[in-house]
Amino acid sequence: ETLYWLDVEFELSNGKKMSFGLHDSSSMYVECSDDIRDLLDNKFEDVK
């Protein structure tokens, strides 16, 4: 399977929602209410 666009939304057991995906083969994204910047910075080099 080869993706160039993906939008996925999760409903979590703690009542929150989180989305992630691939935007038009240009970058991945995560959208959530938790502050995960440090986690992402430790794994990836280019996070905005």
ModelCIF file with pLDDT and N, C-alpha, C, O atoms, coordinates in Angstrom:
data_MODEL
#
_entry.id   MODEL 
#
_entity.id                         1 
_entity.type                       polymer 
_entity.pdbx_number_of_molecules   1 
#
_entity_poly.entity_id                      1 
_entity_poly.type                           'polypeptide(L)' 
_entity_poly.nstd_linkage                   no 
_entity_poly.nstd_monomer                   no 
_entity_poly.pdbx_seq_one_letter_code       ETLYWLDVEFELSNGKKMSFGLHDSSSMYVECSDDIRDLLDNKFEDVK 
_entity_poly.pdbx_seq_one_letter_code_can   ETLYWLDVEFELSNGKKMSFGLHDSSSMYVECSDDIRDLLDNKFEDVK 
_entity_poly.pdbx_strand_id                 A 
#
loop_
_entity_poly_seq.entity_id 
_entity_poly_seq.num 
_entity_poly_seq.mon_id 
_entity_poly_seq.hetero 
1 1  GLU n 
1 2  THR n 
1 3  LEU n 
1 4  TYR n 
1 5  TRP n 
1 6  LEU n 
1 7  ASP n 
1 8  VAL n 
1 9  GLU n 
1 10 PHE n 
1 11 GLU n 
1 12 LEU n 
1 13 SER n 
1 14 ASN n 
1 15 GLY n 
1 16 LYS n 
1 17 LYS n 
1 18 MET n 
1 19 SER n 
1 20 PHE n 
1 21 GLY n 
1 22 LEU n 
1 23 HIS n 
1 24 ASP n 
1 25 SER n 
1 26 SER n 
1 27 SER n 
1 28 MET n 
1 29 TYR n 
1 30 VAL n 
1 31 GLU n 
1 32 CYS n 
1 33 SER n 
1 34 ASP n 
1 35 ASP n 
1 36 ILE n 
1 37 ARG n 
1 38 ASP n 
1 39 LEU n 
1 40 LEU n 
1 41 ASP n 
1 42 ASN n 
1 43 LYS n 
1 44 PHE n 
1 45 GLU n 
1 46 ASP n 
1 47 VAL n 
1 48 LYS n 
#
_struct_asym.id          A 
_struct_asym.entity_id   1 
#
loop_
_ma_qa_metric.id 
_ma_qa_metric.mode 
_ma_qa_metric.name 
_ma_qa_metric.software_group_id 
_ma_qa_metric.type 
1 global pLDDT . pLDDT 
2 local  pLDDT . pLDDT 
#
_ma_qa_metric_global.metric_id      1 
_ma_qa_metric_global.metric_value   91.40 
_ma_qa_metric_global.model_id       1 
_ma_qa_metric_global.ordinal_id     1 
#
loop_
_ma_qa_metric_local.label_asym_id 
_ma_qa_metric_local.label_comp_id 
_ma_qa_metric_local.label_seq_id 
_ma_qa_metric_local.metric_id 
_ma_qa_metric_local.metric_value 
_ma_qa_metric_local.model_id 
_ma_qa_metric_local.ordinal_id 
A GLU 1  2 90.00 1 1  
A THR 2  2 92.00 1 2  
A LEU 3  2 93.00 1 3  
A TYR 4  2 93.00 1 4  
A TRP 5  2 96.00 1 5  
A LEU 6  2 96.00 1 6  
A ASP 7  2 97.00 1 7  
A VAL 8  2 95.00 1 8  
A GLU 9  2 95.00 1 9  
A PHE 10 2 91.00 1 10 
A GLU 11 2 91.00 1 11 
A LEU 12 2 87.00 1 12 
A SER 13 2 86.00 1 13 
A ASN 14 2 85.00 1 14 
A GLY 15 2 87.00 1 15 
A LYS 16 2 87.00 1 16 
A LYS 17 2 90.00 1 17 
A MET 18 2 91.00 1 18 
A SER 19 2 94.00 1 19 
A PHE 20 2 95.00 1 20 
A GLY 21 2 96.00 1 21 
A LEU 22 2 96.00 1 22 
A HIS 23 2 95.00 1 23 
A ASP 24 2 92.00 1 24 
A SER 25 2 92.00 1 25 
A SER 26 2 93.00 1 26 
A SER 27 2 95.00 1 27 
A MET 28 2 96.00 1 28 
A TYR 29 2 97.00 1 29 
A VAL 30 2 95.00 1 30 
A GLU 31 2 94.00 1 31 
A CYS 32 2 88.00 1 32 
A SER 33 2 84.00 1 33 
A ASP 34 2 79.00 1 34 
A ASP 35 2 79.00 1 35 
A ILE 36 2 86.00 1 36 
A ARG 37 2 87.00 1 37 
A ASP 38 2 89.00 1 38 
A LEU 39 2 89.00 1 39 
A LEU 40 2 92.00 1 40 
A ASP 41 2 91.00 1 41 
A ASN 42 2 91.00 1 42 
A LYS 43 2 92.00 1 43 
A PHE 44 2 93.00 1 44 
A GLU 45 2 93.00 1 45 
A ASP 46 2 94.00 1 46 
A VAL 47 2 94.00 1 47 
A LYS 48 2 94.00 1 48 
#
loop_
_atom_site.group_PDB 
_atom_site.id 
_atom_site.type_symbol 
_atom_site.label_atom_id 
_atom_site.label_alt_id 
_atom_site.label_comp_id 
_atom_site.label_asym_id 
_atom_site.label_entity_id 
_atom_site.label_seq_id 
_atom_site.pdbx_PDB_ins_code 
_atom_site.Cartn_x 
_atom_site.Cartn_y 
_atom_site.Cartn_z 
_atom_site.occupancy 
_atom_site.B_iso_or_equiv 
_atom_site.pdbx_formal_charge 
_atom_site.auth_seq_id 
_atom_site.auth_comp_id 
_atom_site.auth_asym_id 
_atom_site.auth_atom_id 
_atom_site.pdbx_PDB_model_num 
ATOM 1   N N  . GLU A 1 1  ? 0.854   -1.188 0.000  1.00 90.00 ? 1  GLU A N  1 
ATOM 2   C CA . GLU A 1 1  ? 0.000   0.000  0.000  1.00 90.00 ? 1  GLU A CA 1 
ATOM 3   C C  . GLU A 1 1  ? 0.890   1.238  0.000  1.00 90.00 ? 1  GLU A C  1 
ATOM 4   O O  . GLU A 1 1  ? 1.865   1.306  0.748  1.00 90.00 ? 1  GLU A O  1 
ATOM 5   N N  . THR A 1 2  ? 0.557   2.210  -0.833 1.00 92.00 ? 2  THR A N  1 
ATOM 6   C CA . THR A 1 2  ? 1.310   3.458  -0.879 1.00 92.00 ? 2  THR A CA 1 
ATOM 7   C C  . THR A 1 2  ? 0.345   4.619  -0.653 1.00 92.00 ? 2  THR A C  1 
ATOM 8   O O  . THR A 1 2  ? -0.594  4.817  -1.424 1.00 92.00 ? 2  THR A O  1 
ATOM 9   N N  . LEU A 1 3  ? 0.582   5.365  0.387  1.00 93.00 ? 3  LEU A N  1 
ATOM 10  C CA . LEU A 1 3  ? -0.269  6.510  0.729  1.00 93.00 ? 3  LEU A CA 1 
ATOM 11  C C  . LEU A 1 3  ? 0.342   7.809  0.243  1.00 93.00 ? 3  LEU A C  1 
ATOM 12  O O  . LEU A 1 3  ? 1.563   7.970  0.242  1.00 93.00 ? 3  LEU A O  1 
ATOM 13  N N  . TYR A 1 4  ? -0.513  8.739  -0.171 1.00 93.00 ? 4  TYR A N  1 
ATOM 14  C CA . TYR A 1 4  ? -0.059  10.106 -0.332 1.00 93.00 ? 4  TYR A CA 1 
ATOM 15  C C  . TYR A 1 4  ? -0.975  11.076 0.411  1.00 93.00 ? 4  TYR A C  1 
ATOM 16  O O  . TYR A 1 4  ? -0.665  12.262 0.523  1.00 93.00 ? 4  TYR A O  1 
ATOM 17  N N  . TRP A 1 5  ? -2.098  10.578 0.916  1.00 96.00 ? 5  TRP A N  1 
ATOM 18  C CA . TRP A 1 5  ? -2.951  11.404 1.767  1.00 96.00 ? 5  TRP A CA 1 
ATOM 19  C C  . TRP A 1 5  ? -3.695  10.479 2.719  1.00 96.00 ? 5  TRP A C  1 
ATOM 20  O O  . TRP A 1 5  ? -4.282  9.483  2.294  1.00 96.00 ? 5  TRP A O  1 
ATOM 21  N N  . LEU A 1 6  ? -3.671  10.809 4.009  1.00 96.00 ? 6  LEU A N  1 
ATOM 22  C CA . LEU A 1 6  ? -4.391  10.019 4.999  1.00 96.00 ? 6  LEU A CA 1 
ATOM 23  C C  . LEU A 1 6  ? -4.802  10.920 6.155  1.00 96.00 ? 6  LEU A C  1 
ATOM 24  O O  . LEU A 1 6  ? -3.982  11.643 6.720  1.00 96.00 ? 6  LEU A O  1 
ATOM 25  N N  . ASP A 1 7  ? -6.084  10.865 6.496  1.00 97.00 ? 7  ASP A N  1 
ATOM 26  C CA . ASP A 1 7  ? -6.605  11.566 7.674  1.00 97.00 ? 7  ASP A CA 1 
ATOM 27  C C  . ASP A 1 7  ? -7.349  10.545 8.530  1.00 97.00 ? 7  ASP A C  1 
ATOM 28  O O  . ASP A 1 7  ? -8.351  9.972  8.104  1.00 97.00 ? 7  ASP A O  1 
ATOM 29  N N  . VAL A 1 8  ? -6.842  10.326 9.748  1.00 95.00 ? 8  VAL A N  1 
ATOM 30  C CA . VAL A 1 8  ? -7.432  9.361  10.670 1.00 95.00 ? 8  VAL A CA 1 
ATOM 31  C C  . VAL A 1 8  ? -7.741  10.050 11.987 1.00 95.00 ? 8  VAL A C  1 
ATOM 32  O O  . VAL A 1 8  ? -6.937  10.835 12.488 1.00 95.00 ? 8  VAL A O  1 
ATOM 33  N N  . GLU A 1 9  ? -8.905  9.757  12.546 1.00 95.00 ? 9  GLU A N  1 
ATOM 34  C CA . GLU A 1 9  ? -9.308  10.297 13.845 1.00 95.00 ? 9  GLU A CA 1 
ATOM 35  C C  . GLU A 1 9  ? -9.551  9.130  14.797 1.00 95.00 ? 9  GLU A C  1 
ATOM 36  O O  . GLU A 1 9  ? -10.212 8.152  14.447 1.00 95.00 ? 9  GLU A O  1 
ATOM 37  N N  . PHE A 1 10 ? -9.005  9.250  16.007 1.00 91.00 ? 10 PHE A N  1 
ATOM 38  C CA . PHE A 1 10 ? -9.226  8.252  17.042 1.00 91.00 ? 10 PHE A CA 1 
ATOM 39  C C  . PHE A 1 10 ? -10.056 8.853  18.165 1.00 91.00 ? 10 PHE A C  1 
ATOM 40  O O  . PHE A 1 10 ? -9.805  9.976  18.603 1.00 91.00 ? 10 PHE A O  1 
ATOM 41  N N  . GLU A 1 11 ? -11.044 8.101  18.627 1.00 91.00 ? 11 GLU A N  1 
ATOM 42  C CA . GLU A 1 11 ? -11.733 8.417  19.865 1.00 91.00 ? 11 GLU A CA 1 
ATOM 43  C C  . GLU A 1 11 ? -11.103 7.520  20.920 1.00 91.00 ? 11 GLU A C  1 
ATOM 44  O O  . GLU A 1 11 ? -11.083 6.298  20.777 1.00 91.00 ? 11 GLU A O  1 
ATOM 45  N N  . LEU A 1 12 ? -10.589 8.137  21.981 1.00 87.00 ? 12 LEU A N  1 
ATOM 46  C CA . LEU A 1 12 ? -9.808  7.422  22.983 1.00 87.00 ? 12 LEU A CA 1 
ATOM 47  C C  . LEU A 1 12 ? -10.625 7.115  24.229 1.00 87.00 ? 12 LEU A C  1 
ATOM 48  O O  . LEU A 1 12 ? -11.634 7.767  24.497 1.00 87.00 ? 12 LEU A O  1 
ATOM 49  N N  . SER A 1 13 ? -10.185 6.127  24.982 1.00 86.00 ? 13 SER A N  1 
ATOM 50  C CA . SER A 1 13 ? -10.908 5.696  26.177 1.00 86.00 ? 13 SER A CA 1 
ATOM 51  C C  . SER A 1 13 ? -10.944 6.770  27.262 1.00 86.00 ? 13 SER A C  1 
ATOM 52  O O  . SER A 1 13 ? -11.782 6.704  28.162 1.00 86.00 ? 13 SER A O  1 
ATOM 53  N N  . ASN A 1 14 ? -10.055 7.751  27.194 1.00 85.00 ? 14 ASN A N  1 
ATOM 54  C CA . ASN A 1 14 ? -10.070 8.834  28.180 1.00 85.00 ? 14 ASN A CA 1 
ATOM 55  C C  . ASN A 1 14 ? -11.003 9.970  27.769 1.00 85.00 ? 14 ASN A C  1 
ATOM 56  O O  . ASN A 1 14 ? -11.014 11.020 28.412 1.00 85.00 ? 14 ASN A O  1 
ATOM 57  N N  . GLY A 1 15 ? -11.796 9.771  26.692 1.00 87.00 ? 15 GLY A N  1 
ATOM 58  C CA . GLY A 1 15 ? -12.762 10.765 26.238 1.00 87.00 ? 15 GLY A CA 1 
ATOM 59  C C  . GLY A 1 15 ? -12.196 11.775 25.262 1.00 87.00 ? 15 GLY A C  1 
ATOM 60  O O  . GLY A 1 15 ? -12.943 12.598 24.733 1.00 87.00 ? 15 GLY A O  1 
ATOM 61  N N  . LYS A 1 16 ? -10.906 11.738 25.009 1.00 87.00 ? 16 LYS A N  1 
ATOM 62  C CA . LYS A 1 16 ? -10.271 12.683 24.095 1.00 87.00 ? 16 LYS A CA 1 
ATOM 63  C C  . LYS A 1 16 ? -10.282 12.143 22.674 1.00 87.00 ? 16 LYS A C  1 
ATOM 64  O O  . LYS A 1 16 ? -10.562 10.970 22.430 1.00 87.00 ? 16 LYS A O  1 
ATOM 65  N N  . LYS A 1 17 ? -9.969  13.036 21.748 1.00 90.00 ? 17 LYS A N  1 
ATOM 66  C CA . LYS A 1 17 ? -9.809  12.669 20.344 1.00 90.00 ? 17 LYS A CA 1 
ATOM 67  C C  . LYS A 1 17 ? -8.405  13.032 19.905 1.00 90.00 ? 17 LYS A C  1 
ATOM 68  O O  . LYS A 1 17 ? -7.787  13.954 20.439 1.00 90.00 ? 17 LYS A O  1 
ATOM 69  N N  . MET A 1 18 ? -7.919  12.305 18.940 1.00 91.00 ? 18 MET A N  1 
ATOM 70  C CA . MET A 1 18 ? -6.606  12.561 18.376 1.00 91.00 ? 18 MET A CA 1 
ATOM 71  C C  . MET A 1 18 ? -6.692  12.275 16.889 1.00 91.00 ? 18 MET A C  1 
ATOM 72  O O  . MET A 1 18 ? -7.332  11.307 16.477 1.00 91.00 ? 18 MET A O  1 
ATOM 73  N N  . SER A 1 19 ? -6.056  13.104 16.085 1.00 94.00 ? 19 SER A N  1 
ATOM 74  C CA . SER A 1 19 ? -5.996  12.874 14.646 1.00 94.00 ? 19 SER A CA 1 
ATOM 75  C C  . SER A 1 19 ? -4.540  12.820 14.223 1.00 94.00 ? 19 SER A C  1 
ATOM 76  O O  . SER A 1 19 ? -3.667  13.441 14.830 1.00 94.00 ? 19 SER A O  1 
ATOM 77  N N  . PHE A 1 20 ? -4.306  12.065 13.172 1.00 95.00 ? 20 PHE A N  1 
ATOM 78  C CA . PHE A 1 20 ? -2.971  12.042 12.602 1.00 95.00 ? 20 PHE A CA 1 
ATOM 79  C C  . PHE A 1 20 ? -3.105  11.664 11.141 1.00 95.00 ? 20 PHE A C  1 
ATOM 80  O O  . PHE A 1 20 ? -4.144  11.175 10.698 1.00 95.00 ? 20 PHE A O  1 
ATOM 81  N N  . GLY A 1 21 ? -2.032  11.900 10.400 1.00 96.00 ? 21 GLY A N  1 
ATOM 82  C CA . GLY A 1 21 ? -2.073  11.487 9.010  1.00 96.00 ? 21 GLY A CA 1 
ATOM 83  C C  . GLY A 1 21 ? -0.913  12.003 8.200  1.00 96.00 ? 21 GLY A C  1 
ATOM 84  O O  . GLY A 1 21 ? 0.108   12.455 8.717  1.00 96.00 ? 21 GLY A O  1 
ATOM 85  N N  . LEU A 1 22 ? -1.119  11.913 6.906  1.00 96.00 ? 22 LEU A N  1 
ATOM 86  C CA . LEU A 1 22 ? -0.153  12.362 5.910  1.00 96.00 ? 22 LEU A CA 1 
ATOM 87  C C  . LEU A 1 22 ? -0.856  13.376 5.033  1.00 96.00 ? 22 LEU A C  1 
ATOM 88  O O  . LEU A 1 22 ? -1.925  13.102 4.489  1.00 96.00 ? 22 LEU A O  1 
ATOM 89  N N  . HIS A 1 23 ? -0.259  14.539 4.896  1.00 95.00 ? 23 HIS A N  1 
ATOM 90  C CA . HIS A 1 23 ? -0.867  15.630 4.143  1.00 95.00 ? 23 HIS A CA 1 
ATOM 91  C C  . HIS A 1 23 ? -0.226  15.744 2.758  1.00 95.00 ? 23 HIS A C  1 
ATOM 92  O O  . HIS A 1 23 ? 0.880   16.266 2.619  1.00 95.00 ? 23 HIS A O  1 
ATOM 93  N N  . ASP A 1 24 ? -0.921  15.259 1.752  1.00 92.00 ? 24 ASP A N  1 
ATOM 94  C CA . ASP A 1 24 ? -0.549  15.425 0.343  1.00 92.00 ? 24 ASP A CA 1 
ATOM 95  C C  . ASP A 1 24 ? 0.932   15.116 0.071  1.00 92.00 ? 24 ASP A C  1 
ATOM 96  O O  . ASP A 1 24 ? 1.599   15.855 -0.653 1.00 92.00 ? 24 ASP A O  1 
ATOM 97  N N  . SER A 1 25 ? 1.430   14.043 0.643  1.00 92.00 ? 25 SER A N  1 
ATOM 98  C CA . SER A 1 25 ? 2.829   13.610 0.478  1.00 92.00 ? 25 SER A CA 1 
ATOM 99  C C  . SER A 1 25 ? 3.857   14.662 0.879  1.00 92.00 ? 25 SER A C  1 
ATOM 100 O O  . SER A 1 25 ? 5.014   14.589 0.466  1.00 92.00 ? 25 SER A O  1 
ATOM 101 N N  . SER A 1 26 ? 3.441   15.640 1.681  1.00 93.00 ? 26 SER A N  1 
ATOM 102 C CA . SER A 1 26 ? 4.379   16.703 2.048  1.00 93.00 ? 26 SER A CA 1 
ATOM 103 C C  . SER A 1 26 ? 4.850   16.618 3.490  1.00 93.00 ? 26 SER A C  1 
ATOM 104 O O  . SER A 1 26 ? 6.002   16.943 3.778  1.00 93.00 ? 26 SER A O  1 
ATOM 105 N N  . SER A 1 27 ? 3.991   16.192 4.399  1.00 95.00 ? 27 SER A N  1 
ATOM 106 C CA . SER A 1 27 ? 4.384   16.057 5.794  1.00 95.00 ? 27 SER A CA 1 
ATOM 107 C C  . SER A 1 27 ? 3.342   15.255 6.562  1.00 95.00 ? 27 SER A C  1 
ATOM 108 O O  . SER A 1 27 ? 2.179   15.169 6.167  1.00 95.00 ? 27 SER A O  1 
ATOM 109 N N  . MET A 1 28 ? 3.788   14.672 7.663  1.00 96.00 ? 28 MET A N  1 
ATOM 110 C CA . MET A 1 28 ? 2.878   13.991 8.580  1.00 96.00 ? 28 MET A CA 1 
ATOM 111 C C  . MET A 1 28 ? 2.348   15.038 9.553  1.00 96.00 ? 28 MET A C  1 
ATOM 112 O O  . MET A 1 28 ? 2.925   16.115 9.702  1.00 96.00 ? 28 MET A O  1 
ATOM 113 N N  . TYR A 1 29 ? 1.245   14.705 10.207 1.00 97.00 ? 29 TYR A N  1 
ATOM 114 C CA . TYR A 1 29 ? 0.747   15.599 11.241 1.00 97.00 ? 29 TYR A CA 1 
ATOM 115 C C  . TYR A 1 29 ? 0.112   14.807 12.365 1.00 97.00 ? 29 TYR A C  1 
ATOM 116 O O  . TYR A 1 29 ? -0.311  13.664 12.195 1.00 97.00 ? 29 TYR A O  1 
ATOM 117 N N  . VAL A 1 30 ? 0.060   15.451 13.517 1.00 95.00 ? 30 VAL A N  1 
ATOM 118 C CA . VAL A 1 30 ? -0.665  14.938 14.678 1.00 95.00 ? 30 VAL A CA 1 
ATOM 119 C C  . VAL A 1 30 ? -1.441  16.113 15.232 1.00 95.00 ? 30 VAL A C  1 
ATOM 120 O O  . VAL A 1 30 ? -0.912  17.219 15.341 1.00 95.00 ? 30 VAL A O  1 
ATOM 121 N N  . GLU A 1 31 ? -2.699  15.876 15.582 1.00 94.00 ? 31 GLU A N  1 
ATOM 122 C CA . GLU A 1 31 ? -3.500  16.919 16.211 1.00 94.00 ? 31 GLU A CA 1 
ATOM 123 C C  . GLU A 1 31 ? -4.110  16.338 17.475 1.00 94.00 ? 31 GLU A C  1 
ATOM 124 O O  . GLU A 1 31 ? -4.839  15.348 17.430 1.00 94.00 ? 31 GLU A O  1 
ATOM 125 N N  . CYS A 1 32 ? -3.802  16.966 18.605 1.00 88.00 ? 32 CYS A N  1 
ATOM 126 C CA . CYS A 1 32 ? -4.321  16.477 19.880 1.00 88.00 ? 32 CYS A CA 1 
ATOM 127 C C  . CYS A 1 32 ? -4.296  17.597 20.910 1.00 88.00 ? 32 CYS A C  1 
ATOM 128 O O  . CYS A 1 32 ? -3.718  18.661 20.689 1.00 88.00 ? 32 CYS A O  1 
ATOM 129 N N  . SER A 1 33 ? -4.939  17.329 22.040 1.00 84.00 ? 33 SER A N  1 
ATOM 130 C CA . SER A 1 33 ? -5.002  18.333 23.101 1.00 84.00 ? 33 SER A CA 1 
ATOM 131 C C  . SER A 1 33 ? -3.814  18.232 24.053 1.00 84.00 ? 33 SER A C  1 
ATOM 132 O O  . SER A 1 33 ? -3.560  19.162 24.817 1.00 84.00 ? 33 SER A O  1 
ATOM 133 N N  . ASP A 1 34 ? -3.083  17.119 24.019 1.00 79.00 ? 34 ASP A N  1 
ATOM 134 C CA . ASP A 1 34 ? -1.930  16.946 24.899 1.00 79.00 ? 34 ASP A CA 1 
ATOM 135 C C  . ASP A 1 34 ? -0.696  17.627 24.307 1.00 79.00 ? 34 ASP A C  1 
ATOM 136 O O  . ASP A 1 34 ? -0.557  17.731 23.089 1.00 79.00 ? 34 ASP A O  1 
ATOM 137 N N  . ASP A 1 35 ? 0.189   18.085 25.178 1.00 79.00 ? 35 ASP A N  1 
ATOM 138 C CA . ASP A 1 35 ? 1.446   18.686 24.725 1.00 79.00 ? 35 ASP A CA 1 
ATOM 139 C C  . ASP A 1 35 ? 2.447   17.564 24.474 1.00 79.00 ? 35 ASP A C  1 
ATOM 140 O O  . ASP A 1 35 ? 3.007   16.993 25.409 1.00 79.00 ? 35 ASP A O  1 
ATOM 141 N N  . ILE A 1 36 ? 2.660   17.261 23.204 1.00 86.00 ? 36 ILE A N  1 
ATOM 142 C CA . ILE A 1 36 ? 3.564   16.167 22.846 1.00 86.00 ? 36 ILE A CA 1 
ATOM 143 C C  . ILE A 1 36 ? 4.802   16.672 22.098 1.00 86.00 ? 36 ILE A C  1 
ATOM 144 O O  . ILE A 1 36 ? 5.510   15.887 21.466 1.00 86.00 ? 36 ILE A O  1 
ATOM 145 N N  . ARG A 1 37 ? 5.055   17.951 22.169 1.00 87.00 ? 37 ARG A N  1 
ATOM 146 C CA . ARG A 1 37 ? 6.180   18.523 21.419 1.00 87.00 ? 37 ARG A CA 1 
ATOM 147 C C  . ARG A 1 37 ? 7.511   17.858 21.776 1.00 87.00 ? 37 ARG A C  1 
ATOM 148 O O  . ARG A 1 37 ? 8.280   17.497 20.885 1.00 87.00 ? 37 ARG A O  1 
ATOM 149 N N  . ASP A 1 38 ? 7.786   17.694 23.061 1.00 89.00 ? 38 ASP A N  1 
ATOM 150 C CA . ASP A 1 38 ? 9.061   17.074 23.463 1.00 89.00 ? 38 ASP A CA 1 
ATOM 151 C C  . ASP A 1 38 ? 9.176   15.651 22.933 1.00 89.00 ? 38 ASP A C  1 
ATOM 152 O O  . ASP A 1 38 ? 10.239  15.242 22.465 1.00 89.00 ? 38 ASP A O  1 
ATOM 153 N N  . LEU A 1 39 ? 8.101   14.913 23.004 1.00 89.00 ? 39 LEU A N  1 
ATOM 154 C CA . LEU A 1 39 ? 8.092   13.542 22.498 1.00 89.00 ? 39 LEU A CA 1 
ATOM 155 C C  . LEU A 1 39 ? 8.417   13.512 21.005 1.00 89.00 ? 39 LEU A C  1 
ATOM 156 O O  . LEU A 1 39 ? 9.233   12.706 20.558 1.00 89.00 ? 39 LEU A O  1 
ATOM 157 N N  . LEU A 1 40 ? 7.781   14.386 20.244 1.00 92.00 ? 40 LEU A N  1 
ATOM 158 C CA . LEU A 1 40 ? 8.021   14.436 18.806 1.00 92.00 ? 40 LEU A CA 1 
ATOM 159 C C  . LEU A 1 40 ? 9.434   14.922 18.490 1.00 92.00 ? 40 LEU A C  1 
ATOM 160 O O  . LEU A 1 40 ? 10.085  14.393 17.590 1.00 92.00 ? 40 LEU A O  1 
ATOM 161 N N  . ASP A 1 41 ? 9.909   15.926 19.225 1.00 91.00 ? 41 ASP A N  1 
ATOM 162 C CA . ASP A 1 41 ? 11.267  16.437 19.008 1.00 91.00 ? 41 ASP A CA 1 
ATOM 163 C C  . ASP A 1 41 ? 12.334  15.380 19.283 1.00 91.00 ? 41 ASP A C  1 
ATOM 164 O O  . ASP A 1 41 ? 13.393  15.389 18.656 1.00 91.00 ? 41 ASP A O  1 
ATOM 165 N N  . ASN A 1 42 ? 12.059  14.468 20.220 1.00 91.00 ? 42 ASN A N  1 
ATOM 166 C CA . ASN A 1 42 ? 13.015  13.404 20.519 1.00 91.00 ? 42 ASN A CA 1 
ATOM 167 C C  . ASN A 1 42 ? 13.071  12.334 19.436 1.00 91.00 ? 42 ASN A C  1 
ATOM 168 O O  . ASN A 1 42 ? 14.075  11.634 19.303 1.00 91.00 ? 42 ASN A O  1 
ATOM 169 N N  . LYS A 1 43 ? 11.994  12.204 18.660 1.00 92.00 ? 43 LYS A N  1 
ATOM 170 C CA . LYS A 1 43 ? 11.919  11.169 17.631 1.00 92.00 ? 43 LYS A CA 1 
ATOM 171 C C  . LYS A 1 43 ? 12.214  11.711 16.227 1.00 92.00 ? 43 LYS A C  1 
ATOM 172 O O  . LYS A 1 43 ? 12.795  11.013 15.396 1.00 92.00 ? 43 LYS A O  1 
ATOM 173 N N  . PHE A 1 44 ? 11.806  12.958 15.972 1.00 93.00 ? 44 PHE A N  1 
ATOM 174 C CA . PHE A 1 44 ? 11.912  13.538 14.638 1.00 93.00 ? 44 PHE A CA 1 
ATOM 175 C C  . PHE A 1 44 ? 12.731  14.818 14.666 1.00 93.00 ? 44 PHE A C  1 
ATOM 176 O O  . PHE A 1 44 ? 12.849  15.469 15.703 1.00 93.00 ? 44 PHE A O  1 
ATOM 177 N N  . GLU A 1 45 ? 13.289  15.169 13.525 1.00 93.00 ? 45 GLU A N  1 
ATOM 178 C CA . GLU A 1 45 ? 14.146  16.367 13.445 1.00 93.00 ? 45 GLU A CA 1 
ATOM 179 C C  . GLU A 1 45 ? 13.404  17.634 13.041 1.00 93.00 ? 45 GLU A C  1 
ATOM 180 O O  . GLU A 1 45 ? 13.773  18.726 13.474 1.00 93.00 ? 45 GLU A O  1 
ATOM 181 N N  . ASP A 1 46 ? 12.364  17.507 12.217 1.00 94.00 ? 46 ASP A N  1 
ATOM 182 C CA . ASP A 1 46 ? 11.686  18.685 11.652 1.00 94.00 ? 46 ASP A CA 1 
ATOM 183 C C  . ASP A 1 46 ? 10.233  18.717 12.106 1.00 94.00 ? 46 ASP A C  1 
ATOM 184 O O  . ASP A 1 46 ? 9.354   18.200 11.416 1.00 94.00 ? 46 ASP A O  1 
ATOM 185 N N  . VAL A 1 47 ? 9.972   19.327 13.274 1.00 94.00 ? 47 VAL A N  1 
ATOM 186 C CA . VAL A 1 47 ? 8.633   19.407 13.852 1.00 94.00 ? 47 VAL A CA 1 
ATOM 187 C C  . VAL A 1 47 ? 8.255   20.883 13.994 1.00 94.00 ? 47 VAL A C  1 
ATOM 188 O O  . VAL A 1 47 ? 9.010   21.687 14.541 1.00 94.00 ? 47 VAL A O  1 
ATOM 189 N N  . LYS A 1 48 ? 7.072   21.213 13.490 1.00 94.00 ? 48 LYS A N  1 
ATOM 190 C CA . LYS A 1 48 ? 6.541   22.583 13.619 1.00 94.00 ? 48 LYS A CA 1 
ATOM 191 C C  . LYS A 1 48 ? 5.172   22.507 14.292 1.00 94.00 ? 48 LYS A C  1 
ATOM 192 O O  . LYS A 1 48 ? 4.532   23.537 14.506 1.00 94.00 ? 48 LYS A O  1 
#
